[in-house]
Amino acid sequence: MPTIQVEGRGTFQVEEGRKLVLTLEDHGVDILHRCGGNARCTTCRVDILEGDAGPIGEAEAAILNAKGITEPNIRLSCQVRVHADLTVKPVMTASESGLEPGTRPQD
């Protein structure tokens, strides 16, 4: 099982193939995902500090480009399927932004 370390929030093991956004929520990280995991809003961004988050798909690349997000380690957690150990830092959480967490995307 891959291990996810969330900077400042702890470490946990997750089922391989699960969406990163869901694993974060399942372990108490109040990650935003306003579009429901459809790669449209970019509120679920994470900074990949260590590890391989896998390739960036077309939908994720398109929205990151459209929003001017060019940092190579910034990924949409709704588009990352966990397959290896990762160390991540959420770019924004609900508690930090004052917003409510988004609806839960489908697995």
PDB file of N, CA and C in Angstrom:
ATOM      1  N   MET A   1       0.840  -1.193   0.000  1.00  0.00           N
ATOM      2  CA  MET A   1       0.000   0.000   0.000  1.00  0.00           C
ATOM      3  C   MET A   1       0.879   1.248   0.000  1.00  0.00           C
ATOM      4  N   PRO A   2       0.560   2.198  -0.865  1.00  0.00           N
ATOM      5  CA  PRO A   2       1.323   3.445  -0.868  1.00  0.00           C
ATOM      6  C   PRO A   2       1.097   4.238   0.420  1.00  0.00           C
ATOM      7  N   THR A   3       2.089   5.020   0.775  1.00  0.00           N
ATOM      8  CA  THR A   3       2.023   5.900   1.941  1.00  0.00           C
ATOM      9  C   THR A   3       1.947   7.344   1.473  1.00  0.00           C
ATOM     10  N   ILE A   4       1.003   8.077   2.033  1.00  0.00           N
ATOM     11  CA  ILE A   4       0.861   9.508   1.742  1.00  0.00           C
ATOM     12  C   ILE A   4       1.267  10.266   2.993  1.00  0.00           C
ATOM     13  N   GLN A   5       2.196  11.185   2.830  1.00  0.00           N
ATOM     14  CA  GLN A   5       2.564  12.087   3.919  1.00  0.00           C
ATOM     15  C   GLN A   5       2.052  13.466   3.535  1.00  0.00           C
ATOM     16  N   VAL A   6       1.251  14.053   4.405  1.00  0.00           N
ATOM     17  CA  VAL A   6       0.699  15.385   4.178  1.00  0.00           C
ATOM     18  C   VAL A   6       1.430  16.339   5.097  1.00  0.00           C
ATOM     19  N   GLU A   7       2.143  17.280   4.516  1.00  0.00           N
ATOM     20  CA  GLU A   7       2.962  18.191   5.304  1.00  0.00           C
ATOM     21  C   GLU A   7       2.146  18.843   6.410  1.00  0.00           C
ATOM     22  N   GLY A   8       2.627  18.676   7.648  1.00  0.00           N
ATOM     23  CA  GLY A   8       1.983  19.270   8.811  1.00  0.00           C
ATOM     24  C   GLY A   8       0.733  18.563   9.286  1.00  0.00           C
ATOM     25  N   ARG A   9       0.371  17.432   8.661  1.00  0.00           N
ATOM     26  CA  ARG A   9      -0.893  16.782   9.020  1.00  0.00           C
ATOM     27  C   ARG A   9      -0.781  15.291   9.261  1.00  0.00           C
ATOM     28  N   GLY A  10       0.346  14.677   8.953  1.00  0.00           N
ATOM     29  CA  GLY A  10       0.493  13.259   9.255  1.00  0.00           C
ATOM     30  C   GLY A  10       0.741  12.395   8.034  1.00  0.00           C
ATOM     31  N   THR A  11       0.821  11.097   8.321  1.00  0.00           N
ATOM     32  CA  THR A  11       1.130  10.093   7.315  1.00  0.00           C
ATOM     33  C   THR A  11       0.123   8.968   7.420  1.00  0.00           C
ATOM     34  N   PHE A  12      -0.277   8.416   6.287  1.00  0.00           N
ATOM     35  CA  PHE A  12      -1.219   7.309   6.278  1.00  0.00           C
ATOM     36  C   PHE A  12      -1.028   6.458   5.034  1.00  0.00           C
ATOM     37  N   GLN A  13      -1.468   5.219   5.129  1.00  0.00           N
ATOM     38  CA  GLN A  13      -1.407   4.318   3.988  1.00  0.00           C
ATOM     39  C   GLN A  13      -2.752   4.338   3.277  1.00  0.00           C
ATOM     40  N   VAL A  14      -2.696   4.174   1.942  1.00  0.00           N
ATOM     41  CA  VAL A  14      -3.917   4.238   1.147  1.00  0.00           C
ATOM     42  C   VAL A  14      -3.966   3.096   0.140  1.00  0.00           C
ATOM     43  N   GLU A  15      -5.156   2.825  -0.305  1.00  0.00           N
ATOM     44  CA  GLU A  15      -5.368   1.817  -1.324  1.00  0.00           C
ATOM     45  C   GLU A  15      -4.826   2.318  -2.666  1.00  0.00           C
ATOM     46  N   GLU A  16      -4.050   1.503  -3.334  1.00  0.00           N
ATOM     47  CA  GLU A  16      -3.497   1.880  -4.631  1.00  0.00           C
ATOM     48  C   GLU A  16      -4.637   2.090  -5.632  1.00  0.00           C
ATOM     49  N   GLY A  17      -4.529   3.142  -6.437  1.00  0.00           N
ATOM     50  CA  GLY A  17      -5.519   3.443  -7.459  1.00  0.00           C
ATOM     51  C   GLY A  17      -6.607   4.399  -7.027  1.00  0.00           C
ATOM     52  N   ARG A  18      -6.668   4.715  -5.744  1.00  0.00           N
ATOM     53  CA  ARG A  18      -7.698   5.630  -5.232  1.00  0.00           C
ATOM     54  C   ARG A  18      -7.327   7.069  -5.556  1.00  0.00           C
ATOM     55  N   LYS A  19      -8.346   7.902  -5.768  1.00  0.00           N
ATOM     56  CA  LYS A  19      -8.093   9.319  -6.036  1.00  0.00           C
ATOM     57  C   LYS A  19      -7.474   9.973  -4.810  1.00  0.00           C
ATOM     58  N   LEU A  20      -6.453  10.780  -5.045  1.00  0.00           N
ATOM     59  CA  LEU A  20      -5.766  11.457  -3.950  1.00  0.00           C
ATOM     60  C   LEU A  20      -6.713  12.345  -3.161  1.00  0.00           C
ATOM     61  N   VAL A  21      -7.604  13.067  -3.810  1.00  0.00           N
ATOM     62  CA  VAL A  21      -8.534  13.953  -3.109  1.00  0.00           C
ATOM     63  C   VAL A  21      -9.370  13.177  -2.096  1.00  0.00           C
ATOM     64  N   LEU A  22      -9.788  11.962  -2.456  1.00  0.00           N
ATOM     65  CA  LEU A  22     -10.593  11.158  -1.540  1.00  0.00           C
ATOM     66  C   LEU A  22      -9.776  10.639  -0.382  1.00  0.00           C
ATOM     67  N   THR A  23      -8.537  10.253  -0.629  1.00  0.00           N
ATOM     68  CA  THR A  23      -7.694   9.778   0.467  1.00  0.00           C
ATOM     69  C   THR A  23      -7.399  10.899   1.444  1.00  0.00           C
ATOM     70  N   LEU A  24      -7.214  12.103   0.930  1.00  0.00           N
ATOM     71  CA  LEU A  24      -6.982  13.248   1.812  1.00  0.00           C
ATOM     72  C   LEU A  24      -8.205  13.482   2.697  1.00  0.00           C
ATOM     73  N   GLU A  25      -9.383  13.501   2.088  1.00  0.00           N
ATOM     74  CA  GLU A  25     -10.615  13.688   2.867  1.00  0.00           C
ATOM     75  C   GLU A  25     -10.810  12.582   3.897  1.00  0.00           C
ATOM     76  N   ASP A  26     -10.574  11.350   3.470  1.00  0.00           N
ATOM     77  CA  ASP A  26     -10.757  10.212   4.371  1.00  0.00           C
ATOM     78  C   ASP A  26      -9.874  10.292   5.612  1.00  0.00           C
ATOM     79  N   HIS A  27      -8.777  11.037   5.509  1.00  0.00           N
ATOM     80  CA  HIS A  27      -7.838  11.144   6.623  1.00  0.00           C
ATOM     81  C   HIS A  27      -7.841  12.534   7.260  1.00  0.00           C
ATOM     82  N   GLY A  28      -8.967  13.231   7.122  1.00  0.00           N
ATOM     83  CA  GLY A  28      -9.181  14.461   7.861  1.00  0.00           C
ATOM     84  C   GLY A  28      -8.652  15.744   7.258  1.00  0.00           C
ATOM     85  N   VAL A  29      -8.166  15.701   6.026  1.00  0.00           N
ATOM     86  CA  VAL A  29      -7.714  16.933   5.362  1.00  0.00           C
ATOM     87  C   VAL A  29      -8.931  17.539   4.668  1.00  0.00           C
ATOM     88  N   ASP A  30      -9.279  18.760   5.018  1.00  0.00           N
ATOM     89  CA  ASP A  30     -10.467  19.410   4.464  1.00  0.00           C
ATOM     90  C   ASP A  30     -10.147  20.084   3.122  1.00  0.00           C
ATOM     91  N   ILE A  31      -9.723  19.254   2.175  1.00  0.00           N
ATOM     92  CA  ILE A  31      -9.332  19.723   0.851  1.00  0.00           C
ATOM     93  C   ILE A  31     -10.570  20.217   0.095  1.00  0.00           C
ATOM     94  N   LEU A  32     -10.407  21.302  -0.603  1.00  0.00           N
ATOM     95  CA  LEU A  32     -11.497  21.812  -1.435  1.00  0.00           C
ATOM     96  C   LEU A  32     -11.529  21.046  -2.758  1.00  0.00           C
ATOM     97  N   HIS A  33     -12.716  20.894  -3.295  1.00  0.00           N
ATOM     98  CA  HIS A  33     -12.882  20.373  -4.659  1.00  0.00           C
ATOM     99  C   HIS A  33     -14.273  20.777  -5.126  1.00  0.00           C
ATOM    100  N   ARG A  34     -14.372  22.038  -5.447  1.00  0.00           N
ATOM    101  CA  ARG A  34     -15.655  22.662  -5.744  1.00  0.00           C
ATOM    102  C   ARG A  34     -16.354  22.071  -6.965  1.00  0.00           C
ATOM    103  N   CYS A  35     -15.615  21.550  -7.946  1.00  0.00           N
ATOM    104  CA  CYS A  35     -16.250  21.032  -9.159  1.00  0.00           C
ATOM    105  C   CYS A  35     -16.582  19.550  -9.046  1.00  0.00           C
ATOM    106  N   GLY A  36     -16.370  18.959  -7.881  1.00  0.00           N
ATOM    107  CA  GLY A  36     -16.716  17.566  -7.690  1.00  0.00           C
ATOM    108  C   GLY A  36     -15.756  16.583  -8.335  1.00  0.00           C
ATOM    109  N   GLY A  37     -14.523  17.003  -8.537  1.00  0.00           N
ATOM    110  CA  GLY A  37     -13.514  16.091  -9.072  1.00  0.00           C
ATOM    111  C   GLY A  37     -13.480  15.996 -10.576  1.00  0.00           C
ATOM    112  N   ASN A  38     -13.932  17.044 -11.266  1.00  0.00           N
ATOM    113  CA  ASN A  38     -14.021  17.013 -12.720  1.00  0.00           C
ATOM    114  C   ASN A  38     -12.965  17.841 -13.436  1.00  0.00           C
ATOM    115  N   ALA A  39     -11.895  18.204 -12.750  1.00  0.00           N
ATOM    116  CA  ALA A  39     -10.782  18.965 -13.349  1.00  0.00           C
ATOM    117  C   ALA A  39     -11.253  20.254 -14.003  1.00  0.00           C
ATOM    118  N   ARG A  40     -12.102  21.012 -13.283  1.00  0.00           N
ATOM    119  CA  ARG A  40     -12.575  22.284 -13.814  1.00  0.00           C
ATOM    120  C   ARG A  40     -12.236  23.491 -12.947  1.00  0.00           C
ATOM    121  N   CYS A  41     -12.049  23.292 -11.638  1.00  0.00           N
ATOM    122  CA  CYS A  41     -11.969  24.466 -10.763  1.00  0.00           C
ATOM    123  C   CYS A  41     -10.585  24.728 -10.160  1.00  0.00           C
ATOM    124  N   THR A  42      -9.745  23.751 -10.048  1.00  0.00           N
ATOM    125  CA  THR A  42      -8.384  23.826  -9.489  1.00  0.00           C
ATOM    126  C   THR A  42      -8.325  24.090  -7.984  1.00  0.00           C
ATOM    127  N   THR A  43      -9.442  23.980  -7.259  1.00  0.00           N
ATOM    128  CA  THR A  43      -9.402  24.234  -5.822  1.00  0.00           C
ATOM    129  C   THR A  43      -8.749  23.100  -5.036  1.00  0.00           C
ATOM    130  N   CYS A  44      -8.589  21.940  -5.655  1.00  0.00           N
ATOM    131  CA  CYS A  44      -8.010  20.785  -4.955  1.00  0.00           C
ATOM    132  C   CYS A  44      -6.509  20.653  -5.206  1.00  0.00           C
ATOM    133  N   ARG A  45      -5.868  21.737  -5.606  1.00  0.00           N
ATOM    134  CA  ARG A  45      -4.431  21.679  -5.924  1.00  0.00           C
ATOM    135  C   ARG A  45      -3.603  21.241  -4.731  1.00  0.00           C
ATOM    136  N   VAL A  46      -2.594  20.435  -5.040  1.00  0.00           N
ATOM    137  CA  VAL A  46      -1.597  20.044  -4.059  1.00  0.00           C
ATOM    138  C   VAL A  46      -0.218  20.252  -4.667  1.00  0.00           C
ATOM    139  N   ASP A  47       0.729  20.513  -3.809  1.00  0.00           N
ATOM    140  CA  ASP A  47       2.134  20.599  -4.197  1.00  0.00           C
ATOM    141  C   ASP A  47       2.727  19.225  -3.920  1.00  0.00           C
ATOM    142  N   ILE A  48       3.229  18.562  -4.962  1.00  0.00           N
ATOM    143  CA  ILE A  48       3.867  17.256  -4.796  1.00  0.00           C
ATOM    144  C   ILE A  48       5.309  17.522  -4.369  1.00  0.00           C
ATOM    145  N   LEU A  49       5.597  17.301  -3.100  1.00  0.00           N
ATOM    146  CA  LEU A  49       6.924  17.585  -2.563  1.00  0.00           C
ATOM    147  C   LEU A  49       7.902  16.446  -2.832  1.00  0.00           C
ATOM    148  N   GLU A  50       7.405  15.217  -2.808  1.00  0.00           N
ATOM    149  CA  GLU A  50       8.230  14.038  -3.093  1.00  0.00           C
ATOM    150  C   GLU A  50       7.341  12.956  -3.674  1.00  0.00           C
ATOM    151  N   GLY A  51       7.917  12.142  -4.550  1.00  0.00           N
ATOM    152  CA  GLY A  51       7.206  10.996  -5.092  1.00  0.00           C
ATOM    153  C   GLY A  51       6.714  11.238  -6.504  1.00  0.00           C
ATOM    154  N   ASP A  52       6.139  10.193  -7.062  1.00  0.00           N
ATOM    155  CA  ASP A  52       5.648  10.213  -8.440  1.00  0.00           C
ATOM    156  C   ASP A  52       4.130  10.173  -8.429  1.00  0.00           C
ATOM    157  N   ALA A  53       3.516  11.274  -8.848  1.00  0.00           N
ATOM    158  CA  ALA A  53       2.058  11.363  -8.894  1.00  0.00           C
ATOM    159  C   ALA A  53       1.492  10.830 -10.203  1.00  0.00           C
ATOM    160  N   GLY A  54       2.349  10.352 -11.085  1.00  0.00           N
ATOM    161  CA  GLY A  54       1.892   9.826 -12.364  1.00  0.00           C
ATOM    162  C   GLY A  54       1.772  10.924 -13.407  1.00  0.00           C
ATOM    163  N   PRO A  55       1.435  10.526 -14.615  1.00  0.00           N
ATOM    164  CA  PRO A  55       1.352  11.495 -15.711  1.00  0.00           C
ATOM    165  C   PRO A  55       0.148  12.426 -15.564  1.00  0.00           C
ATOM    166  N   ILE A  56       0.272  13.597 -16.139  1.00  0.00           N
ATOM    167  CA  ILE A  56      -0.831  14.563 -16.172  1.00  0.00           C
ATOM    168  C   ILE A  56      -1.682  14.265 -17.408  1.00  0.00           C
ATOM    169  N   GLY A  57      -2.970  14.074 -17.188  1.00  0.00           N
ATOM    170  CA  GLY A  57      -3.894  13.812 -18.290  1.00  0.00           C
ATOM    171  C   GLY A  57      -4.269  15.091 -19.024  1.00  0.00           C
ATOM    172  N   GLU A  58      -4.949  14.920 -20.132  1.00  0.00           N
ATOM    173  CA  GLU A  58      -5.328  16.060 -20.967  1.00  0.00           C
ATOM    174  C   GLU A  58      -6.211  17.073 -20.242  1.00  0.00           C
ATOM    175  N   ALA A  59      -7.220  16.598 -19.514  1.00  0.00           N
ATOM    176  CA  ALA A  59      -8.138  17.510 -18.823  1.00  0.00           C
ATOM    177  C   ALA A  59      -7.410  18.321 -17.763  1.00  0.00           C
ATOM    178  N   GLU A  60      -6.551  17.658 -17.004  1.00  0.00           N
ATOM    179  CA  GLU A  60      -5.791  18.358 -15.961  1.00  0.00           C
ATOM    180  C   GLU A  60      -4.833  19.366 -16.576  1.00  0.00           C
ATOM    181  N   ALA A  61      -4.117  18.970 -17.609  1.00  0.00           N
ATOM    182  CA  ALA A  61      -3.175  19.872 -18.275  1.00  0.00           C
ATOM    183  C   ALA A  61      -3.892  21.084 -18.845  1.00  0.00           C
ATOM    184  N   ALA A  62      -5.054  20.868 -19.424  1.00  0.00           N
ATOM    185  CA  ALA A  62      -5.808  21.966 -20.040  1.00  0.00           C
ATOM    186  C   ALA A  62      -6.245  22.991 -19.010  1.00  0.00           C
ATOM    187  N   ILE A  63      -6.791  22.541 -17.861  1.00  0.00           N
ATOM    188  CA  ILE A  63      -7.265  23.499 -16.857  1.00  0.00           C
ATOM    189  C   ILE A  63      -6.106  24.200 -16.166  1.00  0.00           C
ATOM    190  N   LEU A  64      -5.021  23.484 -15.901  1.00  0.00           N
ATOM    191  CA  LEU A  64      -3.859  24.142 -15.304  1.00  0.00           C
ATOM    192  C   LEU A  64      -3.330  25.219 -16.237  1.00  0.00           C
ATOM    193  N   ASN A  65      -3.254  24.913 -17.518  1.00  0.00           N
ATOM    194  CA  ASN A  65      -2.793  25.888 -18.512  1.00  0.00           C
ATOM    195  C   ASN A  65      -3.755  27.072 -18.600  1.00  0.00           C
ATOM    196  N   ALA A  66      -5.047  26.796 -18.644  1.00  0.00           N
ATOM    197  CA  ALA A  66      -6.050  27.862 -18.747  1.00  0.00           C
ATOM    198  C   ALA A  66      -6.014  28.800 -17.546  1.00  0.00           C
ATOM    199  N   LYS A  67      -5.697  28.255 -16.378  1.00  0.00           N
ATOM    200  CA  LYS A  67      -5.637  29.061 -15.152  1.00  0.00           C
ATOM    201  C   LYS A  67      -4.258  29.670 -14.925  1.00  0.00           C
ATOM    202  N   GLY A  68      -3.297  29.395 -15.829  1.00  0.00           N
ATOM    203  CA  GLY A  68      -1.956  29.961 -15.701  1.00  0.00           C
ATOM    204  C   GLY A  68      -1.120  29.325 -14.609  1.00  0.00           C
ATOM    205  N   ILE A  69      -1.443  28.093 -14.260  1.00  0.00           N
ATOM    206  CA  ILE A  69      -0.691  27.379 -13.216  1.00  0.00           C
ATOM    207  C   ILE A  69       0.401  26.584 -13.918  1.00  0.00           C
ATOM    208  N   THR A  70       1.635  27.035 -13.755  1.00  0.00           N
ATOM    209  CA  THR A  70       2.739  26.443 -14.515  1.00  0.00           C
ATOM    210  C   THR A  70       3.776  25.725 -13.663  1.00  0.00           C
ATOM    211  N   GLU A  71       3.636  25.771 -12.345  1.00  0.00           N
ATOM    212  CA  GLU A  71       4.596  25.107 -11.477  1.00  0.00           C
ATOM    213  C   GLU A  71       4.536  23.600 -11.731  1.00  0.00           C
ATOM    214  N   PRO A  72       5.676  22.963 -11.986  1.00  0.00           N
ATOM    215  CA  PRO A  72       5.672  21.552 -12.373  1.00  0.00           C
ATOM    216  C   PRO A  72       5.210  20.588 -11.287  1.00  0.00           C
ATOM    217  N   ASN A  73       5.283  20.979 -10.029  1.00  0.00           N
ATOM    218  CA  ASN A  73       4.887  20.075  -8.945  1.00  0.00           C
ATOM    219  C   ASN A  73       3.461  20.291  -8.467  1.00  0.00           C
ATOM    220  N   ILE A  74       2.736  21.221  -9.076  1.00  0.00           N
ATOM    221  CA  ILE A  74       1.349  21.456  -8.689  1.00  0.00           C
ATOM    222  C   ILE A  74       0.451  20.538  -9.502  1.00  0.00           C
ATOM    223  N   ARG A  75      -0.360  19.765  -8.776  1.00  0.00           N
ATOM    224  CA  ARG A  75      -1.284  18.824  -9.420  1.00  0.00           C
ATOM    225  C   ARG A  75      -2.672  18.989  -8.828  1.00  0.00           C
ATOM    226  N   LEU A  76      -3.674  18.554  -9.573  1.00  0.00           N
ATOM    227  CA  LEU A  76      -5.043  18.514  -9.072  1.00  0.00           C
ATOM    228  C   LEU A  76      -5.239  17.167  -8.389  1.00  0.00           C
ATOM    229  N   SER A  77      -5.527  17.196  -7.099  1.00  0.00           N
ATOM    230  CA  SER A  77      -5.634  15.935  -6.355  1.00  0.00           C
ATOM    231  C   SER A  77      -6.804  15.078  -6.842  1.00  0.00           C
ATOM    232  N   CYS A  78      -7.784  15.694  -7.499  1.00  0.00           N
ATOM    233  CA  CYS A  78      -8.913  14.922  -8.028  1.00  0.00           C
ATOM    234  C   CYS A  78      -8.518  14.118  -9.262  1.00  0.00           C
ATOM    235  N   GLN A  79      -7.378  14.428  -9.850  1.00  0.00           N
ATOM    236  CA  GLN A  79      -6.948  13.745 -11.062  1.00  0.00           C
ATOM    237  C   GLN A  79      -5.798  12.777 -10.829  1.00  0.00           C
ATOM    238  N   VAL A  80      -5.277  12.752  -9.612  1.00  0.00           N
ATOM    239  CA  VAL A  80      -4.152  11.867  -9.276  1.00  0.00           C
ATOM    240  C   VAL A  80      -4.698  10.569  -8.694  1.00  0.00           C
ATOM    241  N   ARG A  81      -4.345   9.465  -9.316  1.00  0.00           N
ATOM    242  CA  ARG A  81      -4.640   8.131  -8.773  1.00  0.00           C
ATOM    243  C   ARG A  81      -3.370   7.672  -8.061  1.00  0.00           C
ATOM    244  N   VAL A  82      -3.467   7.401  -6.783  1.00  0.00           N
ATOM    245  CA  VAL A  82      -2.295   7.050  -5.980  1.00  0.00           C
ATOM    246  C   VAL A  82      -1.764   5.693  -6.413  1.00  0.00           C
ATOM    247  N   HIS A  83      -0.485   5.673  -6.779  1.00  0.00           N
ATOM    248  CA  HIS A  83       0.155   4.408  -7.150  1.00  0.00           C
ATOM    249  C   HIS A  83       1.528   4.245  -6.498  1.00  0.00           C
ATOM    250  N   ALA A  84       1.989   5.294  -5.821  1.00  0.00           N
ATOM    251  CA  ALA A  84       3.305   5.269  -5.186  1.00  0.00           C
ATOM    252  C   ALA A  84       3.276   6.181  -3.964  1.00  0.00           C
ATOM    253  N   ASP A  85       4.297   6.059  -3.118  1.00  0.00           N
ATOM    254  CA  ASP A  85       4.414   6.938  -1.959  1.00  0.00           C
ATOM    255  C   ASP A  85       4.514   8.388  -2.418  1.00  0.00           C
ATOM    256  N   LEU A  86       3.830   9.280  -1.694  1.00  0.00           N
ATOM    257  CA  LEU A  86       3.839  10.703  -2.020  1.00  0.00           C
ATOM    258  C   LEU A  86       3.960  11.529  -0.745  1.00  0.00           C
ATOM    259  N   THR A  87       4.612  12.661  -0.856  1.00  0.00           N
ATOM    260  CA  THR A  87       4.579  13.699   0.164  1.00  0.00           C
ATOM    261  C   THR A  87       3.950  14.912  -0.503  1.00  0.00           C
ATOM    262  N   VAL A  88       2.855  15.398   0.078  1.00  0.00           N
ATOM    263  CA  VAL A  88       2.101  16.482  -0.541  1.00  0.00           C
ATOM    264  C   VAL A  88       1.816  17.593   0.456  1.00  0.00           C
ATOM    265  N   LYS A  89       1.519  18.747  -0.093  1.00  0.00           N
ATOM    266  CA  LYS A  89       1.079  19.885   0.712  1.00  0.00           C
ATOM    267  C   LYS A  89      -0.120  20.494  -0.005  1.00  0.00           C
ATOM    268  N   PRO A  90      -1.308  20.488   0.624  1.00  0.00           N
ATOM    269  CA  PRO A  90      -2.460  21.125  -0.005  1.00  0.00           C
ATOM    270  C   PRO A  90      -2.192  22.614  -0.214  1.00  0.00           C
ATOM    271  N   VAL A  91      -2.571  23.116  -1.368  1.00  0.00           N
ATOM    272  CA  VAL A  91      -2.395  24.540  -1.652  1.00  0.00           C
ATOM    273  C   VAL A  91      -3.429  25.345  -0.872  1.00  0.00           C
ATOM    274  N   MET A  92      -4.661  24.803  -0.759  1.00  0.00           N
ATOM    275  CA  MET A  92      -5.723  25.501  -0.050  1.00  0.00           C
ATOM    276  C   MET A  92      -6.657  24.473   0.585  1.00  0.00           C
ATOM    277  N   THR A  93      -7.055  24.724   1.805  1.00  0.00           N
ATOM    278  CA  THR A  93      -8.050  23.874   2.455  1.00  0.00           C
ATOM    279  C   THR A  93      -9.264  24.730   2.798  1.00  0.00           C
ATOM    280  N   ALA A  94     -10.357  24.075   3.080  1.00  0.00           N
ATOM    281  CA  ALA A  94     -11.583  24.796   3.421  1.00  0.00           C
ATOM    282  C   ALA A  94     -11.383  25.670   4.645  1.00  0.00           C
ATOM    283  N   SER A  95     -10.733  25.124   5.679  1.00  0.00           N
ATOM    284  CA  SER A  95     -10.565  25.893   6.914  1.00  0.00           C
ATOM    285  C   SER A  95      -9.684  27.115   6.703  1.00  0.00           C
ATOM    286  N   GLU A  96      -8.722  27.023   5.808  1.00  0.00           N
ATOM    287  CA  GLU A  96      -7.848  28.168   5.532  1.00  0.00           C
ATOM    288  C   GLU A  96      -8.524  29.211   4.658  1.00  0.00           C
ATOM    289  N   SER A  97      -9.478  28.794   3.833  1.00  0.00           N
ATOM    290  CA  SER A  97     -10.102  29.709   2.882  1.00  0.00           C
ATOM    291  C   SER A  97     -11.420  30.279   3.373  1.00  0.00           C
ATOM    292  N   GLY A  98     -12.026  29.632   4.377  1.00  0.00           N
ATOM    293  CA  GLY A  98     -13.342  30.061   4.828  1.00  0.00           C
ATOM    294  C   GLY A  98     -14.461  29.495   3.978  1.00  0.00           C
ATOM    295  N   LEU A  99     -14.136  28.673   2.991  1.00  0.00           N
ATOM    296  CA  LEU A  99     -15.137  28.064   2.123  1.00  0.00           C
ATOM    297  C   LEU A  99     -15.509  26.686   2.638  1.00  0.00           C
ATOM    298  N   GLU A 100     -16.636  26.177   2.188  1.00  0.00           N
ATOM    299  CA  GLU A 100     -17.064  24.825   2.523  1.00  0.00           C
ATOM    300  C   GLU A 100     -16.390  23.845   1.568  1.00  0.00           C
ATOM    301  N   PRO A 101     -16.023  22.661   2.063  1.00  0.00           N
ATOM    302  CA  PRO A 101     -15.489  21.654   1.169  1.00  0.00           C
ATOM    303  C   PRO A 101     -16.482  21.337   0.058  1.00  0.00           C
ATOM    304  N   GLY A 102     -15.982  20.971  -1.119  1.00  0.00           N
ATOM    305  CA  GLY A 102     -16.835  20.656  -2.261  1.00  0.00           C
ATOM    306  C   GLY A 102     -17.526  19.314  -2.105  1.00  0.00           C
ATOM    307  N   THR A 103     -18.347  19.001  -3.093  1.00  0.00           N
ATOM    308  CA  THR A 103     -18.982  17.700  -3.064  1.00  0.00           C
ATOM    309  C   THR A 103     -17.957  16.632  -3.337  1.00  0.00           C
ATOM    310  N   ARG A 104     -18.234  15.466  -2.875  1.00  0.00           N
ATOM    311  CA  ARG A 104     -17.303  14.357  -2.989  1.00  0.00           C
ATOM    312  C   ARG A 104     -17.340  13.786  -4.409  1.00  0.00           C
ATOM    313  N   PRO A 105     -16.195  13.723  -5.090  1.00  0.00           N
ATOM    314  CA  PRO A 105     -16.180  13.168  -6.444  1.00  0.00           C
ATOM    315  C   PRO A 105     -16.387  11.655  -6.418  1.00  0.00           C
ATOM    316  N   GLN A 106     -16.809  11.117  -7.528  1.00  0.00           N
ATOM    317  CA  GLN A 106     -17.005   9.675  -7.643  1.00  0.00           C
ATOM    318  C   GLN A 106     -15.656   9.000  -7.810  1.00  0.00           C
ATOM    319  N   ASP A 107     -15.522   7.809  -7.255  1.00  0.00           N
ATOM    320  CA  ASP A 107     -14.279   7.028  -7.352  1.00  0.00           C
ATOM    321  C   ASP A 107     -14.170   6.359  -8.693  1.00  0.00           C
TER     322      ASP A 107
END
